[in-house]
Amino acid sequence: MGLWIFLIILIYSFLKTTGEYETATRLSLIIIPLYSAIMMILGIGQNFTPLTMLVTLLLILVGIAIGLFQTRNVKVKISNEKDKQGLPKVKIKRGWYYLLGWIIIFIIGILEF
């Protein structure tokens, strides 16, 4: 039950920002994907078998496909606002493909357990 409440809140937060331009942050574009890759490598190192490597390769390919799907309708614009370094802020409007991609990722995660 708690998982469904979490998913509903998460989907609501995605729906709220789907049609809006958001400022691209270093956290969302670099740090989170890098952390995920490091955790995947550490997780594989503890359970290294041919089956684990096959599943990992399959999940990487599925992840790439979902990532390409999510970026189909992304719009990027450079705003007139400046960041701390005086550079123009980059804003991203992700759209419905991004939301649908995350729903697919959560369904895969739920089916994995």
Protein backbone atom coordinates (compact mmCIF):
# COMPACT_ATOMS: atom_id res chain seq x y z
CA MET A 1 0.00 0.00 0.00
CA GLY A 2 2.83 2.38 0.89
CA LEU A 3 4.46 1.76 -2.50
CA TRP A 4 1.28 2.82 -4.32
CA ILE A 5 1.02 6.01 -2.26
CA PHE A 6 4.67 6.75 -3.05
CA LEU A 7 4.06 6.14 -6.77
CA ILE A 8 0.98 8.37 -6.82
CA ILE A 9 2.89 11.21 -5.13
CA LEU A 10 5.82 10.74 -7.51
CA ILE A 11 3.58 10.72 -10.59
CA TYR A 12 1.79 13.83 -9.32
CA SER A 13 5.11 15.67 -8.93
CA PHE A 14 6.11 14.64 -12.47
CA LEU A 15 2.71 15.67 -13.86
CA LYS A 16 2.99 19.04 -12.18
CA THR A 17 6.26 19.86 -13.97
CA THR A 18 5.76 17.97 -17.26
CA GLY A 19 4.61 20.99 -19.25
CA GLU A 20 6.87 23.57 -17.60
CA TYR A 21 10.42 24.63 -18.33
CA GLU A 22 12.75 23.70 -15.46
CA THR A 23 16.30 24.85 -14.89
CA ALA A 24 18.81 22.10 -15.70
CA THR A 25 20.90 21.30 -12.64
CA ARG A 26 24.21 19.56 -12.22
CA LEU A 27 22.54 17.20 -9.73
CA SER A 28 19.90 15.91 -12.12
CA LEU A 29 22.07 15.75 -15.24
CA ILE A 30 25.45 14.56 -13.90
CA ILE A 31 25.57 13.53 -10.25
CA ILE A 32 22.52 11.20 -10.10
CA PRO A 33 23.43 9.23 -13.28
CA LEU A 34 27.07 8.98 -12.15
CA TYR A 35 26.03 7.76 -8.69
CA SER A 36 23.70 5.19 -10.29
CA ALA A 37 26.50 3.88 -12.51
CA ILE A 38 28.91 3.58 -9.57
CA MET A 39 26.32 1.73 -7.46
CA MET A 40 25.62 -0.65 -10.37
CA ILE A 41 29.34 -1.45 -10.72
CA LEU A 42 29.69 -2.02 -6.96
CA GLY A 43 26.59 -4.22 -6.95
CA ILE A 44 27.90 -6.36 -9.81
CA GLY A 45 31.26 -6.73 -8.08
CA GLN A 46 29.61 -8.43 -5.09
CA ASN A 47 27.63 -10.90 -7.22
CA PHE A 48 29.68 -11.53 -10.35
CA THR A 49 28.21 -14.39 -12.39
CA PRO A 50 27.54 -14.81 -16.12
CA LEU A 51 23.80 -14.54 -15.45
CA THR A 52 24.32 -11.26 -13.57
CA MET A 53 26.34 -9.87 -16.45
CA LEU A 54 23.66 -10.94 -18.96
CA VAL A 55 20.88 -9.32 -16.93
CA THR A 56 22.99 -6.19 -16.45
CA LEU A 57 23.66 -5.93 -20.18
CA LEU A 58 19.96 -6.41 -20.91
CA LEU A 59 19.01 -3.72 -18.38
CA ILE A 60 21.59 -1.32 -19.84
CA LEU A 61 20.09 -1.81 -23.31
CA VAL A 62 16.56 -1.32 -21.96
CA GLY A 63 17.76 1.79 -20.10
CA ILE A 64 19.28 3.24 -23.27
CA ALA A 65 16.06 2.56 -25.18
CA ILE A 66 13.95 4.21 -22.47
CA GLY A 67 16.36 7.17 -22.33
CA LEU A 68 16.11 7.70 -26.08
CA PHE A 69 12.32 7.43 -25.83
CA GLN A 70 12.23 9.98 -23.00
CA THR A 71 14.18 12.55 -24.99
CA ARG A 72 11.98 12.39 -28.10
CA ASN A 73 10.04 15.53 -27.23
CA VAL A 74 12.44 17.43 -24.96
CA LYS A 75 12.66 21.16 -25.59
CA VAL A 76 15.69 23.16 -24.49
CA LYS A 77 15.93 26.93 -24.26
CA ILE A 78 18.54 29.31 -22.97
CA SER A 79 16.97 31.90 -20.72
CA ASN A 80 18.04 35.47 -20.06
CA GLU A 81 18.57 34.63 -16.38
CA LYS A 82 22.15 34.20 -15.18
CA ASP A 83 23.53 31.60 -12.76
CA LYS A 84 26.18 32.13 -10.04
CA GLN A 85 29.00 32.13 -12.60
CA GLY A 86 27.23 34.65 -14.82
CA LEU A 87 26.33 32.10 -17.49
CA PRO A 88 22.81 31.92 -18.95
CA LYS A 89 20.56 29.31 -17.35
CA VAL A 90 19.50 26.39 -19.52
CA LYS A 91 15.85 25.40 -19.14
CA ILE A 92 14.38 22.04 -20.13
CA LYS A 93 10.80 21.09 -20.88
CA ARG A 94 10.65 17.31 -20.71
CA GLY A 95 7.09 16.50 -21.79
CA TRP A 96 4.91 13.41 -21.65
CA TYR A 97 7.49 11.00 -23.07
CA TYR A 98 9.69 11.69 -20.05
CA LEU A 99 6.84 10.89 -17.66
CA LEU A 100 5.89 7.74 -19.55
CA GLY A 101 9.52 6.59 -19.51
CA TRP A 102 9.66 6.92 -15.73
CA ILE A 103 6.40 4.99 -15.38
CA ILE A 104 7.95 2.19 -17.47
CA ILE A 105 11.06 2.25 -15.27
CA PHE A 106 8.97 1.93 -12.10
CA ILE A 107 6.95 -0.93 -13.59
CA ILE A 108 10.21 -2.75 -14.46
CA GLY A 109 11.44 -2.13 -10.91
CA ILE A 110 8.25 -3.49 -9.38
CA LEU A 111 8.29 -6.58 -11.63
CA GLU A 112 11.90 -7.25 -10.66
CA PHE A 113 10.90 -8.03 -7.08
